[in-house]
C-alpha atoms as a PDB file:
ATOM      1  CA  MET A   1      28.309  24.399  -3.741  1.00  0.00           C
ATOM      2  CA  GLY A   2      28.916  24.021  -7.103  1.00  0.00           C
ATOM      3  CA  TYR A   3      27.018  22.671 -10.340  1.00  0.00           C
ATOM      4  CA  HIS A   4      26.857  18.878 -11.259  1.00  0.00           C
ATOM      5  CA  ILE A   5      26.500  18.385 -15.042  1.00  0.00           C
ATOM      6  CA  ILE A   6      24.803  14.959 -16.120  1.00  0.00           C
ATOM      7  CA  ARG A   7      24.587  13.677 -19.234  1.00  0.00           C
ATOM      8  CA  ILE A   8      23.189  10.166 -20.139  1.00  0.00           C
ATOM      9  CA  GLN A   9      25.551   7.830 -22.501  1.00  0.00           C
ATOM     10  CA  GLU A  10      24.458   4.347 -23.537  1.00  0.00           C
ATOM     11  CA  GLY A  11      21.773   3.858 -20.724  1.00  0.00           C
ATOM     12  CA  LYS A  12      24.726   5.190 -18.016  1.00  0.00           C
ATOM     13  CA  LEU A  13      25.121   8.420 -15.956  1.00  0.00           C
ATOM     14  CA  GLU A  14      28.040  10.743 -16.696  1.00  0.00           C
ATOM     15  CA  GLU A  15      28.752  13.402 -14.372  1.00  0.00           C
ATOM     16  CA  GLN A  16      30.859  16.073 -13.717  1.00  0.00           C
ATOM     17  CA  TYR A  17      31.285  18.585 -11.247  1.00  0.00           C
ATOM     18  CA  ILE A  18      32.192  22.054 -11.468  1.00  0.00           C
ATOM     19  CA  GLU A  19      32.907  25.138  -8.958  1.00  0.00           C
ATOM     20  CA  LYS A  20      32.087  28.243 -11.023  1.00  0.00           C
ATOM     21  CA  PRO A  21      29.741  28.803 -13.648  1.00  0.00           C
ATOM     22  CA  ASN A  22      32.694  29.610 -16.444  1.00  0.00           C
ATOM     23  CA  GLU A  23      34.082  26.200 -15.841  1.00  0.00           C
ATOM     24  CA  ILE A  24      31.529  24.632 -18.093  1.00  0.00           C
ATOM     25  CA  ILE A  25      33.765  25.538 -20.916  1.00  0.00           C
ATOM     26  CA  ASP A  26      36.097  22.962 -19.782  1.00  0.00           C
ATOM     27  CA  ILE A  27      33.499  20.045 -20.249  1.00  0.00           C
ATOM     28  CA  PRO A  28      34.021  18.440 -23.507  1.00  0.00           C
ATOM     29  CA  GLU A  29      30.981  18.128 -25.781  1.00  0.00           C
ATOM     30  CA  ILE A  30      28.859  20.208 -23.670  1.00  0.00           C
ATOM     31  CA  THR A  31      25.411  21.069 -25.149  1.00  0.00           C
ATOM     32  CA  GLU A  32      22.149  22.993 -23.744  1.00  0.00           C
ATOM     33  CA  ASN A  33      20.213  19.990 -23.460  1.00  0.00           C
ATOM     34  CA  MET A  34      22.334  18.504 -20.557  1.00  0.00           C
ATOM     35  CA  ILE A  35      21.092  18.379 -17.071  1.00  0.00           C
ATOM     36  CA  VAL A  36      22.401  20.473 -14.347  1.00  0.00           C
ATOM     37  CA  TYR A  37      21.994  20.431 -10.477  1.00  0.00           C
ATOM     38  CA  GLU A  38      23.124  22.837  -8.169  1.00  0.00           C
ATOM     39  CA  ALA A  39      24.420  20.817  -5.229  1.00  0.00           C
ATOM     40  CA  ASP A  40      27.672  19.716  -2.770  1.00  0.00           C
ATOM     41  CA  GLU A  41      30.369  18.039  -4.154  1.00  0.00           C
ATOM     42  CA  LYS A  42      29.760  14.988  -2.504  1.00  0.00           C
ATOM     43  CA  TRP A  43      26.156  14.589  -3.712  1.00  0.00           C
ATOM     44  CA  LYS A  44      25.928  11.936  -6.463  1.00  0.00           C
ATOM     45  CA  PRO A  45      23.285  11.579  -9.198  1.00  0.00           C
ATOM     46  CA  MET A  46      21.825   7.982  -9.738  1.00  0.00           C
ATOM     47  CA  PHE A  47      18.904   6.190 -11.458  1.00  0.00           C
ATOM     48  CA  ILE A  48      16.265   5.230  -9.260  1.00  0.00           C
ATOM     49  CA  LYS A  49      16.758   1.486  -9.781  1.00  0.00           C
ATOM     50  CA  ASP A  50      20.063   2.092  -7.783  1.00  0.00           C
ATOM     51  CA  ASN A  51      18.340   3.690  -5.079  1.00  0.00           C
ATOM     52  CA  PRO A  52      16.856   0.838  -2.950  1.00  0.00           C
ATOM     53  CA  ILE A  53      14.803   2.846  -0.726  1.00  0.00           C
ATOM     54  CA  LEU A  54      13.298   4.649  -3.849  1.00  0.00           C
ATOM     55  CA  ASN A  55      13.230   1.634  -6.201  1.00  0.00           C
ATOM     56  CA  ASN A  56      11.523  -0.342  -3.557  1.00  0.00           C
ATOM     57  CA  TYR A  57       8.392   2.080  -4.283  1.00  0.00           C
ATOM     58  CA  LEU A  58       8.364   0.785  -7.853  1.00  0.00           C
ATOM     59  CA  GLN A  59       7.767  -2.539  -6.850  1.00  0.00           C
ATOM     60  CA  GLU A  60       4.199  -3.580  -7.933  1.00  0.00           C
ATOM     61  CA  SER A  61       3.028  -4.550  -4.627  1.00  0.00           C
ATOM     62  CA  VAL A  62       4.514  -1.635  -2.654  1.00  0.00           C
ATOM     63  CA  TYR A  63       3.417   0.880  -5.387  1.00  0.00           C
ATOM     64  CA  PHE A  64      -0.234  -0.012  -5.435  1.00  0.00           C
ATOM     65  CA  GLY A  65      -0.199  -0.735  -1.670  1.00  0.00           C
ATOM     66  CA  GLU A  66       0.873   3.061  -1.097  1.00  0.00           C
ATOM     67  CA  MET A  67      -1.827   4.157  -4.035  1.00  0.00           C
ATOM     68  CA  GLY A  68      -4.254   2.427  -1.778  1.00  0.00           C
ATOM     69  CA  GLN A  69      -2.936   3.893   1.539  1.00  0.00           C
ATOM     70  CA  LYS A  70      -3.260   7.308  -0.170  1.00  0.00           C
ATOM     71  CA  ALA A  71      -6.764   6.579  -2.119  1.00  0.00           C
ATOM     72  CA  PHE A  72      -8.020   5.602   1.285  1.00  0.00           C
ATOM     73  CA  ARG A  73      -6.970   8.605   3.214  1.00  0.00           C
ATOM     74  CA  ASN A  74      -8.487  10.977   0.421  1.00  0.00           C
ATOM     75  CA  PHE A  75     -12.076   8.740   0.879  1.00  0.00           C
ATOM     76  CA  ALA A  76     -11.813   9.599   4.849  1.00  0.00           C
ATOM     77  CA  SER A  77     -10.890  13.145   4.240  1.00  0.00           C
ATOM     78  CA  HIS A  78     -13.911  13.372   1.769  1.00  0.00           C
ATOM     79  CA  ASN A  79     -16.615  11.769   3.947  1.00  0.00           C
ATOM     80  CA  LYS A  80     -15.314  13.552   7.093  1.00  0.00           C
ATOM     81  CA  LEU A  81     -13.861  10.166   9.100  1.00  0.00           C
ATOM     82  CA  LEU A  82     -11.926  10.744  11.694  1.00  0.00           C
ATOM     83  CA  ILE A  83      -8.658   8.544  10.924  1.00  0.00           C
ATOM     84  CA  GLN A  84      -5.621   7.450  13.188  1.00  0.00           C
ATOM     85  CA  GLU A  85      -2.899   5.710  11.492  1.00  0.00           C
ATOM     86  CA  ILE A  86      -1.799   2.458  13.340  1.00  0.00           C
ATOM     87  CA  GLU A  87       2.028   2.693  13.701  1.00  0.00           C
ATOM     88  CA  GLN A  88       3.692  -0.159  12.178  1.00  0.00           C
ATOM     89  CA  THR A  89       7.027   0.058  13.395  1.00  0.00           C
ATOM     90  CA  GLN A  90       8.641  -3.677  14.667  1.00  0.00           C
ATOM     91  CA  GLU A  91       9.244  -1.651  18.134  1.00  0.00           C
ATOM     92  CA  SER A  92       5.465  -0.410  18.386  1.00  0.00           C
ATOM     93  CA  PHE A  93       4.592  -4.409  17.787  1.00  0.00           C
ATOM     94  CA  GLU A  94       7.067  -5.923  20.896  1.00  0.00           C
ATOM     95  CA  ASP A  95       3.686  -5.527  23.525  1.00  0.00           C
ATOM     96  CA  TYR A  96       1.695  -7.848  21.000  1.00  0.00           C
ATOM     97  CA  LYS A  97       4.554 -10.280  20.496  1.00  0.00           C
ATOM     98  CA  LYS A  98       4.632 -10.340  24.416  1.00  0.00           C
ATOM     99  CA  ALA A  99       1.062 -11.059  25.000  1.00  0.00           C
ATOM    100  CA  ASN A 100       1.149 -13.622  21.936  1.00  0.00           C
ATOM    101  CA  PRO A 101       4.510 -14.757  21.191  1.00  0.00           C
ATOM    102  CA  ASP A 102       3.747 -18.008  20.150  1.00  0.00           C
ATOM    103  CA  ILE A 103       1.011 -16.850  17.462  1.00  0.00           C
ATOM    104  CA  PHE A 104       0.871 -14.622  14.444  1.00  0.00           C
ATOM    105  CA  VAL A 105      -1.147 -11.575  14.429  1.00  0.00           C
ATOM    106  CA  LYS A 106      -1.372  -8.340  12.275  1.00  0.00           C
ATOM    107  CA  ARG A 107      -2.248  -5.232  13.038  1.00  0.00           C
ATOM    108  CA  ALA A 108      -4.664  -3.194  10.456  1.00  0.00           C
ATOM    109  CA  ASP A 109      -3.732   0.225   9.031  1.00  0.00           C
ATOM    110  CA  TYR A 110      -6.145   2.544  10.758  1.00  0.00           C
ATOM    111  CA  ILE A 111      -8.485   3.459  13.321  1.00  0.00           C
ATOM    112  CA  LEU A 112     -11.788   4.850  12.528  1.00  0.00           C
ATOM    113  CA  LEU A 113     -12.179   7.546  15.356  1.00  0.00           C
ATOM    114  CA  ASN A 114     -15.650   8.270  14.459  1.00  0.00           C
ATOM    115  CA  CYS A 115     -17.438   5.251  13.472  1.00  0.00           C
ATOM    116  CA  ASN A 116     -17.286   2.663  16.145  1.00  0.00           C
ATOM    117  CA  GLY A 117     -13.601   2.655  16.900  1.00  0.00           C
ATOM    118  CA  CYS A 118     -13.423   0.222  14.038  1.00  0.00           C
ATOM    119  CA  HIS A 119      -9.900  -1.081  12.710  1.00  0.00           C
ATOM    120  CA  VAL A 120      -9.429  -0.673   8.853  1.00  0.00           C
ATOM    121  CA  GLU A 121      -7.135  -2.692   6.648  1.00  0.00           C
ATOM    122  CA  VAL A 122      -6.379  -1.139   2.924  1.00  0.00           C
ATOM    123  CA  LYS A 123      -6.028  -3.974   0.239  1.00  0.00           C
ATOM    124  CA  SER A 124      -5.493  -2.581  -3.436  1.00  0.00           C
ATOM    125  CA  ARG A 125      -6.379  -6.017  -5.466  1.00  0.00           C
ATOM    126  CA  THR A 126      -7.090  -7.207  -9.258  1.00  0.00           C
ATOM    127  CA  PHE A 127     -10.599  -8.506  -9.434  1.00  0.00           C
ATOM    128  CA  TYR A 128     -10.880 -11.874 -11.247  1.00  0.00           C
ATOM    129  CA  GLU A 129     -14.006 -13.511 -13.130  1.00  0.00           C
ATOM    130  CA  ARG A 130     -14.959 -16.744 -12.274  1.00  0.00           C
ATOM    131  CA  GLU A 131     -18.043 -18.388 -13.919  1.00  0.00           C
ATOM    132  CA  GLY A 132     -19.724 -14.886 -14.231  1.00  0.00           C
ATOM    133  CA  THR A 133     -18.901 -13.529 -10.982  1.00  0.00           C
ATOM    134  CA  LYS A 134     -16.259 -11.133 -10.100  1.00  0.00           C
ATOM    135  CA  THR A 135     -13.800 -12.208  -7.026  1.00  0.00           C
ATOM    136  CA  VAL A 136     -11.145 -10.919  -5.318  1.00  0.00           C
ATOM    137  CA  SER A 137      -7.837 -12.625  -3.464  1.00  0.00           C
ATOM    138  CA  LEU A 138      -6.741 -12.294  -0.194  1.00  0.00           C
ATOM    139  CA  LYS A 139      -4.196 -13.722   2.000  1.00  0.00           C
ATOM    140  CA  TYR A 140      -5.265 -16.224   4.396  1.00  0.00           C
ATOM    141  CA  SER A 141      -2.215 -16.107   6.533  1.00  0.00           C
ATOM    142  CA  GLU A 142      -3.172 -12.140   6.973  1.00  0.00           C
ATOM    143  CA  LEU A 143      -6.679 -12.982   7.718  1.00  0.00           C
ATOM    144  CA  MET A 144      -6.404 -15.379  10.320  1.00  0.00           C
ATOM    145  CA  GLY A 145      -3.670 -12.812  11.977  1.00  0.00           C
ATOM    146  CA  LEU A 146      -6.135  -9.660  11.408  1.00  0.00           C
ATOM    147  CA  LYS A 147      -8.817 -12.134  13.107  1.00  0.00           C
ATOM    148  CA  ARG A 148      -6.346 -13.049  16.158  1.00  0.00           C
ATOM    149  CA  MET A 149      -5.560  -9.013  16.487  1.00  0.00           C
ATOM    150  CA  GLN A 150      -9.651  -8.518  16.504  1.00  0.00           C
ATOM    151  CA  ASP A 151     -10.110 -11.169  19.212  1.00  0.00           C
ATOM    152  CA  LEU A 152      -6.916  -9.694  21.221  1.00  0.00           C
ATOM    153  CA  LEU A 153      -8.265  -5.983  21.263  1.00  0.00           C
ATOM    154  CA  ASN A 154     -12.054  -6.836  20.951  1.00  0.00           C
ATOM    155  CA  THR A 155     -12.759  -4.685  18.087  1.00  0.00           C
ATOM    156  CA  LYS A 156     -14.137  -5.006  14.609  1.00  0.00           C
ATOM    157  CA  ILE A 157     -11.470  -4.993  11.722  1.00  0.00           C
ATOM    158  CA  VAL A 158     -13.000  -4.332   8.118  1.00  0.00           C
ATOM    159  CA  ILE A 159     -10.928  -4.932   5.061  1.00  0.00           C
ATOM    160  CA  CYS A 160     -11.311  -1.888   2.380  1.00  0.00           C
ATOM    161  CA  ILE A 161     -10.082  -2.814  -1.127  1.00  0.00           C
ATOM    162  CA  PHE A 162      -9.543  -0.871  -3.795  1.00  0.00           C
ATOM    163  CA  GLU A 163      -9.245  -2.530  -7.288  1.00  0.00           C
ATOM    164  CA  ILE A 164      -6.517  -2.331  -9.862  1.00  0.00           C
ATOM    165  CA  ARG A 165      -7.828  -2.496 -13.212  1.00  0.00           C
ATOM    166  CA  ASP A 166      -5.591  -2.345 -16.495  1.00  0.00           C
ATOM    167  CA  ASN A 167      -2.583  -1.507 -14.342  1.00  0.00           C
ATOM    168  CA  ASN A 168      -4.336   1.434 -12.571  1.00  0.00           C
ATOM    169  CA  LEU A 169      -6.070   2.139  -9.419  1.00  0.00           C
ATOM    170  CA  VAL A 170      -9.564   2.747  -9.034  1.00  0.00           C
ATOM    171  CA  ASN A 171      -9.590   4.899  -6.472  1.00  0.00           C
ATOM    172  CA  ASP A 172     -13.451   6.298  -6.759  1.00  0.00           C
ATOM    173  CA  LYS A 173     -14.917   3.106  -5.145  1.00  0.00           C
ATOM    174  CA  VAL A 174     -14.124   1.239  -2.025  1.00  0.00           C
ATOM    175  CA  TYR A 175     -15.332  -2.215  -1.278  1.00  0.00           C
ATOM    176  CA  SER A 176     -15.675  -2.901   2.475  1.00  0.00           C
ATOM    177  CA  ILE A 177     -16.140  -6.378   3.986  1.00  0.00           C
ATOM    178  CA  SER A 178     -15.197  -7.399   7.511  1.00  0.00           C
ATOM    179  CA  ILE A 179     -12.967 -10.046   9.061  1.00  0.00           C
ATOM    180  CA  ASP A 180     -16.163 -11.506  10.324  1.00  0.00           C
ATOM    181  CA  ARG A 181     -17.995 -11.777   7.223  1.00  0.00           C
ATOM    182  CA  VAL A 182     -15.404 -13.427   5.191  1.00  0.00           C
ATOM    183  CA  LEU A 183     -14.941 -16.194   7.739  1.00  0.00           C
ATOM    184  CA  GLU A 184     -19.074 -16.563   7.565  1.00  0.00           C
ATOM    185  CA  LEU A 185     -18.466 -16.850   3.778  1.00  0.00           C
ATOM    186  CA  LYS A 186     -15.707 -19.578   3.952  1.00  0.00           C
ATOM    187  CA  LYS A 187     -17.718 -21.271   6.673  1.00  0.00           C
ATOM    188  CA  ASN A 188     -20.836 -21.480   3.948  1.00  0.00           C
ATOM    189  CA  GLY A 189     -18.748 -22.513   1.449  1.00  0.00           C
ATOM    190  CA  ASP A 190     -18.754 -19.435  -0.562  1.00  0.00           C
ATOM    191  CA  THR A 191     -15.494 -18.932  -0.911  1.00  0.00           C
ATOM    192  CA  ILE A 192     -12.374 -20.450  -2.553  1.00  0.00           C
ATOM    193  CA  TYR A 193      -9.315 -21.652  -0.743  1.00  0.00           C
ATOM    194  CA  HIS A 194      -6.064 -22.124  -3.116  1.00  0.00           C
ATOM    195  CA  GLU A 195      -3.644 -24.412  -1.184  1.00  0.00           C
ATOM    196  CA  LYS A 196      -0.875 -23.788  -3.430  1.00  0.00           C
ATOM    197  CA  GLY A 197      -0.772 -19.854  -2.909  1.00  0.00           C
ATOM    198  CA  LYS A 198      -2.356 -20.188   0.864  1.00  0.00           C
ATOM    199  CA  PHE A 199      -4.983 -17.467  -0.349  1.00  0.00           C
ATOM    200  CA  ILE A 200      -8.625 -17.092  -0.422  1.00  0.00           C
ATOM    201  CA  GLU A 201     -11.211 -15.718  -2.957  1.00  0.00           C
ATOM    202  CA  ILE A 202     -14.239 -14.097  -1.956  1.00  0.00           C
ATOM    203  CA  PRO A 203     -16.936 -12.890  -4.409  1.00  0.00           C
ATOM    204  CA  VAL A 204     -16.909  -9.086  -4.535  1.00  0.00           C
ATOM    205  CA  ASN A 205     -20.525  -8.968  -4.601  1.00  0.00           C
ATOM    206  CA  SER A 206     -20.058  -9.781  -1.216  1.00  0.00           C
ATOM    207  CA  CYS A 207     -18.698  -7.015  -0.185  1.00  0.00           C
ATOM    208  CA  ASP A 208     -20.663  -3.304   0.903  1.00  0.00           C
ATOM    209  CA  VAL A 209     -19.495  -0.439  -1.387  1.00  0.00           C
ATOM    210  CA  GLY A 210     -19.011   3.366  -0.517  1.00  0.00           C
ATOM    211  CA  ILE A 211     -18.780   4.998   2.848  1.00  0.00           C
ATOM    212  CA  ASN A 212     -22.655   3.745   3.735  1.00  0.00           C
ATOM    213  CA  GLY A 213     -21.202   0.381   3.084  1.00  0.00           C
ATOM    214  CA  LEU A 214     -18.066   0.799   5.248  1.00  0.00           C
ATOM    215  CA  LYS A 215     -19.983   2.204   8.036  1.00  0.00           C
ATOM    216  CA  ASN A 216     -22.339  -1.095   7.882  1.00  0.00           C
ATOM    217  CA  GLU A 217     -19.560  -3.128   7.793  1.00  0.00           C
ATOM    218  CA  CYS A 218     -18.276  -1.359  10.965  1.00  0.00           C
ATOM    219  CA  MET A 219     -21.432  -1.642  12.899  1.00  0.00           C
ATOM    220  CA  LEU A 220     -22.219  -4.953  11.992  1.00  0.00           C
END
């Protein structure tokens, strides 16, 4: 265990390792504003962009996806919802694939244990204005994957949506809409399907809002 002395030169990290504190005098142009980290010699500093695991979380879709998950857990805790996270590993998905090897199914994110056993899929989305109506887009393939899972489990699935506004997540307001409700809107011509991106736009005012709205969607 020793000391890593770190400086940033022309956008690059420069690091030098010393075993003893007095060895700091051997570092050229040392200043008190350099960064020091106490760790084993094999430890190497890096920018987040050079760490594929951490950098992945800074990609916009992943970042806001994780923010949405956190916001939903806080929302559930505040409203005394008992939630169980649904495992998303490939290994845990094998049984579903065996039951339906030729079709795409998608698992939701959570089970609401004290709300009719409803499953919840959490989304973070930018809302758009279209002819005076706010809309939100959802991937059509994911909707159909969730619908197949709903049919397979005979359990209602609801999508909970948090708005991304001005590059921030609005985490104090959740919009809920069931898979069945989305497909009903589509059947009635109240959605817009975009062939190019394979996504569907739904009116935000078709969603229920808040805890009562979520419970309402789960019980419909």
